[in-house]
Amino acid sequence: MGYLIGVLIFLFGTIIGSFLNVCIYRLPLGRSIVLSASSCPACGKRLGAIDLVPVLSYIVLGGKCRRCKEKISAVYPAVEALTGVLYLLLYIKFGLVPVLPVYAALVSLLIVIAFIDYSHMEIPNGLVIAGLVLGVVQLTVTLTTGVFDVWHSYVIGFFAGALPLFLIALIGSVLLKKEAMGGGDIKMMAFCGLIIGWKLLIPAYLIGIIAGAIASLILMAAGIKKRGDAIPFGPFLALGVTASIFFGNKLIDWYLGLMG
């Protein structure tokens, strides 16, 4: 029974991933994500049911549009598969508990944010609002049922998520005479803190900063980026938050064990 539920959750995740692709493609263009049917980005033809099966359609069609034969970006199946895998891993870690849909929704938001920020160097305010709504819903459930941890850890998390990046942005803008940190990153970490709490923010920040630093060094060494070029930080923060959901408590326990 558990395996069947796992398979269903994975498949459900790929379907959600297909919708996330719509968000990733349309939100930066200011297009509605619900009022128009999916179409081929190249020829504009409306996609049929055979074109919209997550992951499988891409494989069966050889990564090309069924009509115009233009190549389809591998990002589409990657997002679908990634969402399915993360949903499955969340189920394996937490089981069917109230925190599962909350973390699944958060991970979905982070996937959209990561891909949009990577491509467009922006985090749409609509996604931030969705994250804040999710955080308020969790906080409300916490206050009324007590199914989550102590409620004030999430309130503290909201400020702990925003304040460090706000200070970096403020100090950096003074010293560098230019924007050192995007406002979207600050708002993203604020709603993440509201959802995961301040404790898990610590490893989330550490993982995000380390991953960002390593990626920056690799990009500069490869000549893709030069010193001083802007590099989107959102994807690395999203990675940090996602990793912290899975391993954050273990990392904290490991560090406290070393200190003890």
C-alpha atoms as a PDB file:
ATOM      1  CA  MET A   1       0.000   0.000   0.000  1.00  0.00           C
ATOM      2  CA  GLY A   2       2.844   2.359   0.881  1.00  0.00           C
ATOM      3  CA  TYR A   3       4.516   1.747  -2.490  1.00  0.00           C
ATOM      4  CA  LEU A   4       1.266   2.475  -4.316  1.00  0.00           C
ATOM      5  CA  ILE A   5       0.832   5.741  -2.422  1.00  0.00           C
ATOM      6  CA  GLY A   6       4.436   6.627  -3.258  1.00  0.00           C
ATOM      7  CA  VAL A   7       3.839   5.992  -6.969  1.00  0.00           C
ATOM      8  CA  LEU A   8       0.653   8.056  -6.918  1.00  0.00           C
ATOM      9  CA  ILE A   9       2.423  10.915  -5.133  1.00  0.00           C
ATOM     10  CA  PHE A  10       5.247  10.836  -7.689  1.00  0.00           C
ATOM     11  CA  LEU A  11       2.767  10.912 -10.581  1.00  0.00           C
ATOM     12  CA  PHE A  12       0.834  13.710  -8.900  1.00  0.00           C
ATOM     13  CA  GLY A  13       4.108  15.596  -8.524  1.00  0.00           C
ATOM     14  CA  THR A  14       4.864  15.308 -12.239  1.00  0.00           C
ATOM     15  CA  ILE A  15       1.406  16.699 -13.028  1.00  0.00           C
ATOM     16  CA  ILE A  16       2.045  19.626 -10.684  1.00  0.00           C
ATOM     17  CA  GLY A  17       5.448  19.988 -12.349  1.00  0.00           C
ATOM     18  CA  SER A  18       3.693  20.416 -15.695  1.00  0.00           C
ATOM     19  CA  PHE A  19       1.748  23.323 -14.205  1.00  0.00           C
ATOM     20  CA  LEU A  20       4.954  24.740 -12.744  1.00  0.00           C
ATOM     21  CA  ASN A  21       6.362  24.804 -16.292  1.00  0.00           C
ATOM     22  CA  VAL A  22       3.430  27.002 -17.290  1.00  0.00           C
ATOM     23  CA  CYS A  23       4.253  29.346 -14.407  1.00  0.00           C
ATOM     24  CA  ILE A  24       7.958  29.435 -15.269  1.00  0.00           C
ATOM     25  CA  TYR A  25       7.254  30.284 -18.901  1.00  0.00           C
ATOM     26  CA  ARG A  26       4.328  32.694 -18.533  1.00  0.00           C
ATOM     27  CA  LEU A  27       4.859  34.670 -15.336  1.00  0.00           C
ATOM     28  CA  PRO A  28       7.916  36.616 -16.613  1.00  0.00           C
ATOM     29  CA  LEU A  29       5.892  37.480 -19.731  1.00  0.00           C
ATOM     30  CA  GLY A  30       2.954  38.751 -17.695  1.00  0.00           C
ATOM     31  CA  ARG A  31       0.641  36.123 -19.200  1.00  0.00           C
ATOM     32  CA  SER A  32      -2.170  34.368 -17.369  1.00  0.00           C
ATOM     33  CA  ILE A  33      -1.322  30.915 -16.036  1.00  0.00           C
ATOM     34  CA  VAL A  34      -4.941  29.727 -16.073  1.00  0.00           C
ATOM     35  CA  LEU A  35      -6.927  31.486 -18.813  1.00  0.00           C
ATOM     36  CA  SER A  36      -5.205  30.200 -21.950  1.00  0.00           C
ATOM     37  CA  ALA A  37      -4.449  26.698 -23.190  1.00  0.00           C
ATOM     38  CA  SER A  38      -0.908  25.358 -23.515  1.00  0.00           C
ATOM     39  CA  SER A  39       0.691  25.827 -26.910  1.00  0.00           C
ATOM     40  CA  CYS A  40       4.005  25.224 -28.644  1.00  0.00           C
ATOM     41  CA  PRO A  41       6.386  28.154 -28.019  1.00  0.00           C
ATOM     42  CA  ALA A  42       7.670  27.864 -31.605  1.00  0.00           C
ATOM     43  CA  CYS A  43       4.591  27.447 -33.831  1.00  0.00           C
ATOM     44  CA  GLY A  44       1.910  28.539 -31.364  1.00  0.00           C
ATOM     45  CA  LYS A  45      -0.295  25.508 -32.081  1.00  0.00           C
ATOM     46  CA  ARG A  46      -2.478  24.367 -29.209  1.00  0.00           C
ATOM     47  CA  LEU A  47      -1.148  21.230 -27.524  1.00  0.00           C
ATOM     48  CA  GLY A  48      -3.354  18.147 -27.332  1.00  0.00           C
ATOM     49  CA  ALA A  49      -3.622  15.587 -24.565  1.00  0.00           C
ATOM     50  CA  ILE A  50      -0.942  13.428 -26.201  1.00  0.00           C
ATOM     51  CA  ASP A  51       1.509  16.337 -25.939  1.00  0.00           C
ATOM     52  CA  LEU A  52       0.875  17.012 -22.263  1.00  0.00           C
ATOM     53  CA  VAL A  53       1.648  13.738 -20.502  1.00  0.00           C
ATOM     54  CA  PRO A  54       4.399  14.684 -18.023  1.00  0.00           C
ATOM     55  CA  VAL A  55       7.874  13.425 -18.983  1.00  0.00           C
ATOM     56  CA  LEU A  56       6.522  10.671 -21.276  1.00  0.00           C
ATOM     57  CA  SER A  57       5.322  13.042 -24.005  1.00  0.00           C
ATOM     58  CA  TYR A  58       8.803  14.546 -24.245  1.00  0.00           C
ATOM     59  CA  ILE A  59      10.378  11.084 -24.552  1.00  0.00           C
ATOM     60  CA  VAL A  60       7.838   9.696 -27.024  1.00  0.00           C
ATOM     61  CA  LEU A  61       7.974  12.796 -29.243  1.00  0.00           C
ATOM     62  CA  GLY A  62      11.769  12.817 -29.194  1.00  0.00           C
ATOM     63  CA  GLY A  63      11.934  16.233 -27.562  1.00  0.00           C
ATOM     64  CA  LYS A  64      10.230  17.909 -30.541  1.00  0.00           C
ATOM     65  CA  CYS A  65       6.885  19.537 -31.252  1.00  0.00           C
ATOM     66  CA  ARG A  66       4.535  17.013 -32.876  1.00  0.00           C
ATOM     67  CA  ARG A  67       3.518  19.564 -35.525  1.00  0.00           C
ATOM     68  CA  CYS A  68       6.406  21.896 -36.355  1.00  0.00           C
ATOM     69  CA  LYS A  69       9.196  19.514 -35.237  1.00  0.00           C
ATOM     70  CA  GLU A  70      11.029  22.311 -33.397  1.00  0.00           C
ATOM     71  CA  LYS A  71      13.047  21.173 -30.411  1.00  0.00           C
ATOM     72  CA  ILE A  72      11.390  21.458 -27.014  1.00  0.00           C
ATOM     73  CA  SER A  73      13.526  22.623 -24.100  1.00  0.00           C
ATOM     74  CA  ALA A  74      14.664  19.820 -21.798  1.00  0.00           C
ATOM     75  CA  VAL A  75      13.715  22.114 -18.927  1.00  0.00           C
ATOM     76  CA  TYR A  76      10.095  20.980 -19.275  1.00  0.00           C
ATOM     77  CA  PRO A  77      10.581  17.275 -18.486  1.00  0.00           C
ATOM     78  CA  ALA A  78      13.310  18.156 -15.979  1.00  0.00           C
ATOM     79  CA  VAL A  79      10.907  20.310 -13.951  1.00  0.00           C
ATOM     80  CA  GLU A  80       8.215  17.613 -14.123  1.00  0.00           C
ATOM     81  CA  ALA A  81      10.582  14.857 -13.019  1.00  0.00           C
ATOM     82  CA  LEU A  82      12.186  17.029 -10.333  1.00  0.00           C
ATOM     83  CA  THR A  83       8.813  17.905  -8.844  1.00  0.00           C
ATOM     84  CA  GLY A  84       7.725  14.269  -8.840  1.00  0.00           C
ATOM     85  CA  VAL A  85      10.958  13.118  -7.182  1.00  0.00           C
ATOM     86  CA  LEU A  86      10.826  15.822  -4.512  1.00  0.00           C
ATOM     87  CA  TYR A  87       7.178  15.050  -3.723  1.00  0.00           C
ATOM     88  CA  LEU A  88       8.091  11.377  -3.372  1.00  0.00           C
ATOM     89  CA  LEU A  89      11.080  12.150  -1.133  1.00  0.00           C
ATOM     90  CA  LEU A  90       8.904  14.370   1.054  1.00  0.00           C
ATOM     91  CA  TYR A  91       6.420  11.519   1.438  1.00  0.00           C
ATOM     92  CA  ILE A  92       9.225   9.076   2.296  1.00  0.00           C
ATOM     93  CA  LYS A  93      10.633  11.439   4.920  1.00  0.00           C
ATOM     94  CA  PHE A  94       7.448  12.726   6.552  1.00  0.00           C
ATOM     95  CA  GLY A  95       4.660  10.338   5.588  1.00  0.00           C
ATOM     96  CA  LEU A  96       1.032  11.411   5.269  1.00  0.00           C
ATOM     97  CA  VAL A  97       1.137  14.156   7.891  1.00  0.00           C
ATOM     98  CA  PRO A  98      -0.143  17.770   7.895  1.00  0.00           C
ATOM     99  CA  VAL A  99       3.318  19.162   7.099  1.00  0.00           C
ATOM    100  CA  LEU A 100       3.531  17.175   3.830  1.00  0.00           C
ATOM    101  CA  PRO A 101       1.255  19.399   1.671  1.00  0.00           C
ATOM    102  CA  VAL A 102       2.818  22.513   3.212  1.00  0.00           C
ATOM    103  CA  TYR A 103       6.337  21.463   2.280  1.00  0.00           C
ATOM    104  CA  ALA A 104       5.162  20.203  -1.121  1.00  0.00           C
ATOM    105  CA  ALA A 105       3.640  23.617  -1.855  1.00  0.00           C
ATOM    106  CA  LEU A 106       6.805  25.364  -0.634  1.00  0.00           C
ATOM    107  CA  VAL A 107       9.061  23.177  -2.779  1.00  0.00           C
ATOM    108  CA  SER A 108       6.830  23.886  -5.788  1.00  0.00           C
ATOM    109  CA  LEU A 109       7.167  27.630  -5.237  1.00  0.00           C
ATOM    110  CA  LEU A 110      10.931  27.307  -4.873  1.00  0.00           C
ATOM    111  CA  ILE A 111      11.229  25.393  -8.158  1.00  0.00           C
ATOM    112  CA  VAL A 112       9.374  28.143 -10.023  1.00  0.00           C
ATOM    113  CA  ILE A 113      11.414  30.856  -8.296  1.00  0.00           C
ATOM    114  CA  ALA A 114      14.721  29.126  -9.008  1.00  0.00           C
ATOM    115  CA  PHE A 115      14.090  28.711 -12.744  1.00  0.00           C
ATOM    116  CA  ILE A 116      12.623  32.184 -13.236  1.00  0.00           C
ATOM    117  CA  ASP A 117      15.388  33.895 -11.271  1.00  0.00           C
ATOM    118  CA  TYR A 118      18.038  31.945 -13.153  1.00  0.00           C
ATOM    119  CA  SER A 119      16.617  32.948 -16.544  1.00  0.00           C
ATOM    120  CA  HIS A 120      15.303  36.445 -15.845  1.00  0.00           C
ATOM    121  CA  MET A 121      17.097  37.652 -12.693  1.00  0.00           C
ATOM    122  CA  GLU A 122      13.797  38.368 -10.959  1.00  0.00           C
ATOM    123  CA  ILE A 123      11.392  36.855  -8.464  1.00  0.00           C
ATOM    124  CA  PRO A 124       7.800  37.802  -9.312  1.00  0.00           C
ATOM    125  CA  ASN A 125       5.843  39.378  -6.473  1.00  0.00           C
ATOM    126  CA  GLY A 126       2.954  37.006  -7.167  1.00  0.00           C
ATOM    127  CA  LEU A 127       5.116  34.089  -6.019  1.00  0.00           C
ATOM    128  CA  VAL A 128       6.114  35.991  -2.887  1.00  0.00           C
ATOM    129  CA  ILE A 129       2.451  36.645  -2.100  1.00  0.00           C
ATOM    130  CA  ALA A 130       1.676  32.949  -2.606  1.00  0.00           C
ATOM    131  CA  GLY A 131       4.482  32.071  -0.181  1.00  0.00           C
ATOM    132  CA  LEU A 132       3.207  34.527   2.418  1.00  0.00           C
ATOM    133  CA  VAL A 133      -0.310  33.116   2.099  1.00  0.00           C
ATOM    134  CA  LEU A 134       1.063  29.606   2.588  1.00  0.00           C
ATOM    135  CA  GLY A 135       2.953  30.769   5.678  1.00  0.00           C
ATOM    136  CA  VAL A 136      -0.107  32.454   7.156  1.00  0.00           C
ATOM    137  CA  VAL A 137      -2.192  29.323   6.519  1.00  0.00           C
ATOM    138  CA  GLN A 138       0.379  27.182   8.335  1.00  0.00           C
ATOM    139  CA  LEU A 139       0.572  29.676  11.201  1.00  0.00           C
ATOM    140  CA  THR A 140      -3.215  29.687  11.497  1.00  0.00           C
ATOM    141  CA  VAL A 141      -3.319  25.881  11.584  1.00  0.00           C
ATOM    142  CA  THR A 142      -0.572  25.926  14.207  1.00  0.00           C
ATOM    143  CA  LEU A 143      -2.463  28.328  16.436  1.00  0.00           C
ATOM    144  CA  THR A 144      -5.779  26.508  16.117  1.00  0.00           C
ATOM    145  CA  THR A 145      -4.691  22.854  16.203  1.00  0.00           C
ATOM    146  CA  GLY A 146      -1.094  22.757  17.398  1.00  0.00           C
ATOM    147  CA  VAL A 147      -0.128  20.180  14.744  1.00  0.00           C
ATOM    148  CA  PHE A 148       3.105  22.008  13.945  1.00  0.00           C
ATOM    149  CA  ASP A 149       5.917  23.119  16.251  1.00  0.00           C
ATOM    150  CA  VAL A 150       5.734  26.133  18.537  1.00  0.00           C
ATOM    151  CA  TRP A 151       4.105  28.921  16.539  1.00  0.00           C
ATOM    152  CA  HIS A 152       6.540  31.671  17.473  1.00  0.00           C
ATOM    153  CA  SER A 153       9.443  29.865  15.783  1.00  0.00           C
ATOM    154  CA  TYR A 154       7.736  30.650  12.476  1.00  0.00           C
ATOM    155  CA  VAL A 155       7.128  34.294  13.352  1.00  0.00           C
ATOM    156  CA  ILE A 156      10.785  34.645  14.331  1.00  0.00           C
ATOM    157  CA  GLY A 157      11.656  32.815  11.105  1.00  0.00           C
ATOM    158  CA  PHE A 158       9.903  35.503   9.071  1.00  0.00           C
ATOM    159  CA  PHE A 159      12.188  38.216  10.433  1.00  0.00           C
ATOM    160  CA  ALA A 160      15.256  35.964  10.572  1.00  0.00           C
ATOM    161  CA  GLY A 161      14.743  35.173   6.908  1.00  0.00           C
ATOM    162  CA  ALA A 162      14.533  38.778   5.761  1.00  0.00           C
ATOM    163  CA  LEU A 163      16.861  40.661   8.117  1.00  0.00           C
ATOM    164  CA  PRO A 164      20.275  39.155   7.153  1.00  0.00           C
ATOM    165  CA  LEU A 165      19.748  39.759   3.436  1.00  0.00           C
ATOM    166  CA  PHE A 166      18.282  43.202   4.070  1.00  0.00           C
ATOM    167  CA  LEU A 167      21.411  44.173   6.018  1.00  0.00           C
ATOM    168  CA  ILE A 168      23.659  42.734   3.296  1.00  0.00           C
ATOM    169  CA  ALA A 169      21.705  44.696   0.676  1.00  0.00           C
ATOM    170  CA  LEU A 170      21.907  47.901   2.721  1.00  0.00           C
ATOM    171  CA  ILE A 171      25.610  47.650   3.533  1.00  0.00           C
ATOM    172  CA  GLY A 172      26.495  46.461   0.040  1.00  0.00           C
ATOM    173  CA  SER A 173      24.643  49.306  -1.639  1.00  0.00           C
ATOM    174  CA  VAL A 174      26.548  51.803   0.516  1.00  0.00           C
ATOM    175  CA  LEU A 175      29.970  50.244  -0.020  1.00  0.00           C
ATOM    176  CA  LEU A 176      29.606  49.207  -3.679  1.00  0.00           C
ATOM    177  CA  LYS A 177      27.399  52.128  -4.777  1.00  0.00           C
ATOM    178  CA  LYS A 178      25.070  49.648  -6.483  1.00  0.00           C
ATOM    179  CA  GLU A 179      22.414  47.093  -5.628  1.00  0.00           C
ATOM    180  CA  ALA A 180      24.130  44.246  -3.791  1.00  0.00           C
ATOM    181  CA  MET A 181      21.090  42.057  -3.149  1.00  0.00           C
ATOM    182  CA  GLY A 182      17.784  41.836  -4.947  1.00  0.00           C
ATOM    183  CA  GLY A 183      14.615  42.608  -3.045  1.00  0.00           C
ATOM    184  CA  GLY A 184      13.098  39.386  -4.318  1.00  0.00           C
ATOM    185  CA  ASP A 185      15.680  37.321  -2.419  1.00  0.00           C
ATOM    186  CA  ILE A 186      14.812  39.144   0.802  1.00  0.00           C
ATOM    187  CA  LYS A 187      11.087  38.600   0.386  1.00  0.00           C
ATOM    188  CA  MET A 188      11.598  34.970  -0.592  1.00  0.00           C
ATOM    189  CA  MET A 189      13.586  34.162   2.539  1.00  0.00           C
ATOM    190  CA  ALA A 190      11.023  36.005   4.667  1.00  0.00           C
ATOM    191  CA  PHE A 191       8.189  33.713   3.590  1.00  0.00           C
ATOM    192  CA  CYS A 192      10.480  30.666   3.727  1.00  0.00           C
ATOM    193  CA  GLY A 193      11.293  31.522   7.343  1.00  0.00           C
ATOM    194  CA  LEU A 194       7.591  31.868   8.072  1.00  0.00           C
ATOM    195  CA  ILE A 195       7.046  28.341   6.743  1.00  0.00           C
ATOM    196  CA  ILE A 196      10.074  26.362   7.987  1.00  0.00           C
ATOM    197  CA  GLY A 197      10.913  28.317  11.140  1.00  0.00           C
ATOM    198  CA  TRP A 198      14.105  30.043  12.222  1.00  0.00           C
ATOM    199  CA  LYS A 199      16.098  26.914  13.130  1.00  0.00           C
ATOM    200  CA  LEU A 200      15.953  25.404   9.660  1.00  0.00           C
ATOM    201  CA  LEU A 201      16.879  28.787   8.183  1.00  0.00           C
ATOM    202  CA  ILE A 202      20.399  28.460   9.600  1.00  0.00           C
ATOM    203  CA  PRO A 203      21.444  25.433   7.502  1.00  0.00           C
ATOM    204  CA  ALA A 204      19.365  26.797   4.605  1.00  0.00           C
ATOM    205  CA  TYR A 205      21.457  29.967   4.524  1.00  0.00           C
ATOM    206  CA  LEU A 206      24.732  28.071   4.928  1.00  0.00           C
ATOM    207  CA  ILE A 207      23.949  25.613   2.131  1.00  0.00           C
ATOM    208  CA  GLY A 208      22.721  28.401  -0.160  1.00  0.00           C
ATOM    209  CA  ILE A 209      25.770  30.590   0.432  1.00  0.00           C
ATOM    210  CA  ILE A 210      28.248  27.716  -0.024  1.00  0.00           C
ATOM    211  CA  ALA A 211      26.493  26.477  -3.177  1.00  0.00           C
ATOM    212  CA  GLY A 212      26.367  30.007  -4.581  1.00  0.00           C
ATOM    213  CA  ALA A 213      30.059  30.597  -3.867  1.00  0.00           C
ATOM    214  CA  ILE A 214      31.110  27.314  -5.476  1.00  0.00           C
ATOM    215  CA  ALA A 215      28.944  27.939  -8.545  1.00  0.00           C
ATOM    216  CA  SER A 216      30.320  31.474  -8.896  1.00  0.00           C
ATOM    217  CA  LEU A 217      33.913  30.224  -8.777  1.00  0.00           C
ATOM    218  CA  ILE A 218      33.159  27.552 -11.373  1.00  0.00           C
ATOM    219  CA  LEU A 219      31.443  30.048 -13.700  1.00  0.00           C
ATOM    220  CA  MET A 220      34.360  32.496 -13.424  1.00  0.00           C
ATOM    221  CA  ALA A 221      36.941  29.750 -13.915  1.00  0.00           C
ATOM    222  CA  ALA A 222      35.085  28.624 -17.042  1.00  0.00           C
ATOM    223  CA  GLY A 223      34.971  32.198 -18.355  1.00  0.00           C
ATOM    224  CA  ILE A 224      31.161  32.242 -18.362  1.00  0.00           C
ATOM    225  CA  LYS A 225      31.063  35.008 -15.764  1.00  0.00           C
ATOM    226  CA  LYS A 226      33.507  37.745 -14.889  1.00  0.00           C
ATOM    227  CA  ARG A 227      34.262  39.213 -11.493  1.00  0.00           C
ATOM    228  CA  GLY A 228      31.527  41.697 -10.659  1.00  0.00           C
ATOM    229  CA  ASP A 229      28.927  40.132 -12.965  1.00  0.00           C
ATOM    230  CA  ALA A 230      25.514  39.623 -11.414  1.00  0.00           C
ATOM    231  CA  ILE A 231      24.652  36.029 -10.549  1.00  0.00           C
ATOM    232  CA  PRO A 232      21.121  35.163  -9.416  1.00  0.00           C
ATOM    233  CA  PHE A 233      21.131  34.088  -5.770  1.00  0.00           C
ATOM    234  CA  GLY A 234      17.545  32.843  -5.694  1.00  0.00           C
ATOM    235  CA  PRO A 235      18.296  29.356  -7.099  1.00  0.00           C
ATOM    236  CA  PHE A 236      20.950  28.745  -4.445  1.00  0.00           C
ATOM    237  CA  LEU A 237      18.738  29.975  -1.624  1.00  0.00           C
ATOM    238  CA  ALA A 238      15.959  27.741  -2.973  1.00  0.00           C
ATOM    239  CA  LEU A 239      18.410  24.827  -2.955  1.00  0.00           C
ATOM    240  CA  GLY A 240      19.399  25.672   0.615  1.00  0.00           C
ATOM    241  CA  VAL A 241      15.819  25.797   1.863  1.00  0.00           C
ATOM    242  CA  THR A 242      14.904  22.551   0.098  1.00  0.00           C
ATOM    243  CA  ALA A 243      17.971  20.751   1.449  1.00  0.00           C
ATOM    244  CA  SER A 244      17.270  22.094   4.927  1.00  0.00           C
ATOM    245  CA  ILE A 245      13.761  20.622   4.861  1.00  0.00           C
ATOM    246  CA  PHE A 246      15.325  17.199   4.369  1.00  0.00           C
ATOM    247  CA  PHE A 247      18.606  17.435   6.283  1.00  0.00           C
ATOM    248  CA  GLY A 248      18.520  20.647   8.307  1.00  0.00           C
ATOM    249  CA  ASN A 249      17.744  19.112  11.683  1.00  0.00           C
ATOM    250  CA  LYS A 250      20.416  16.439  11.201  1.00  0.00           C
ATOM    251  CA  LEU A 251      22.998  19.088  10.324  1.00  0.00           C
ATOM    252  CA  ILE A 252      22.085  21.082  13.424  1.00  0.00           C
ATOM    253  CA  ASP A 253      22.317  17.973  15.629  1.00  0.00           C
ATOM    254  CA  TRP A 254      25.671  17.074  14.050  1.00  0.00           C
ATOM    255  CA  TYR A 255      27.070  20.540  14.710  1.00  0.00           C
ATOM    256  CA  LEU A 256      25.785  20.606  18.301  1.00  0.00           C
ATOM    257  CA  GLY A 257      27.366  17.183  18.791  1.00  0.00           C
ATOM    258  CA  LEU A 258      30.721  18.577  17.699  1.00  0.00           C
ATOM    259  CA  MET A 259      30.337  21.517  20.057  1.00  0.00           C
ATOM    260  CA  GLY A 260      29.363  19.241  22.931  1.00  0.00           C
END
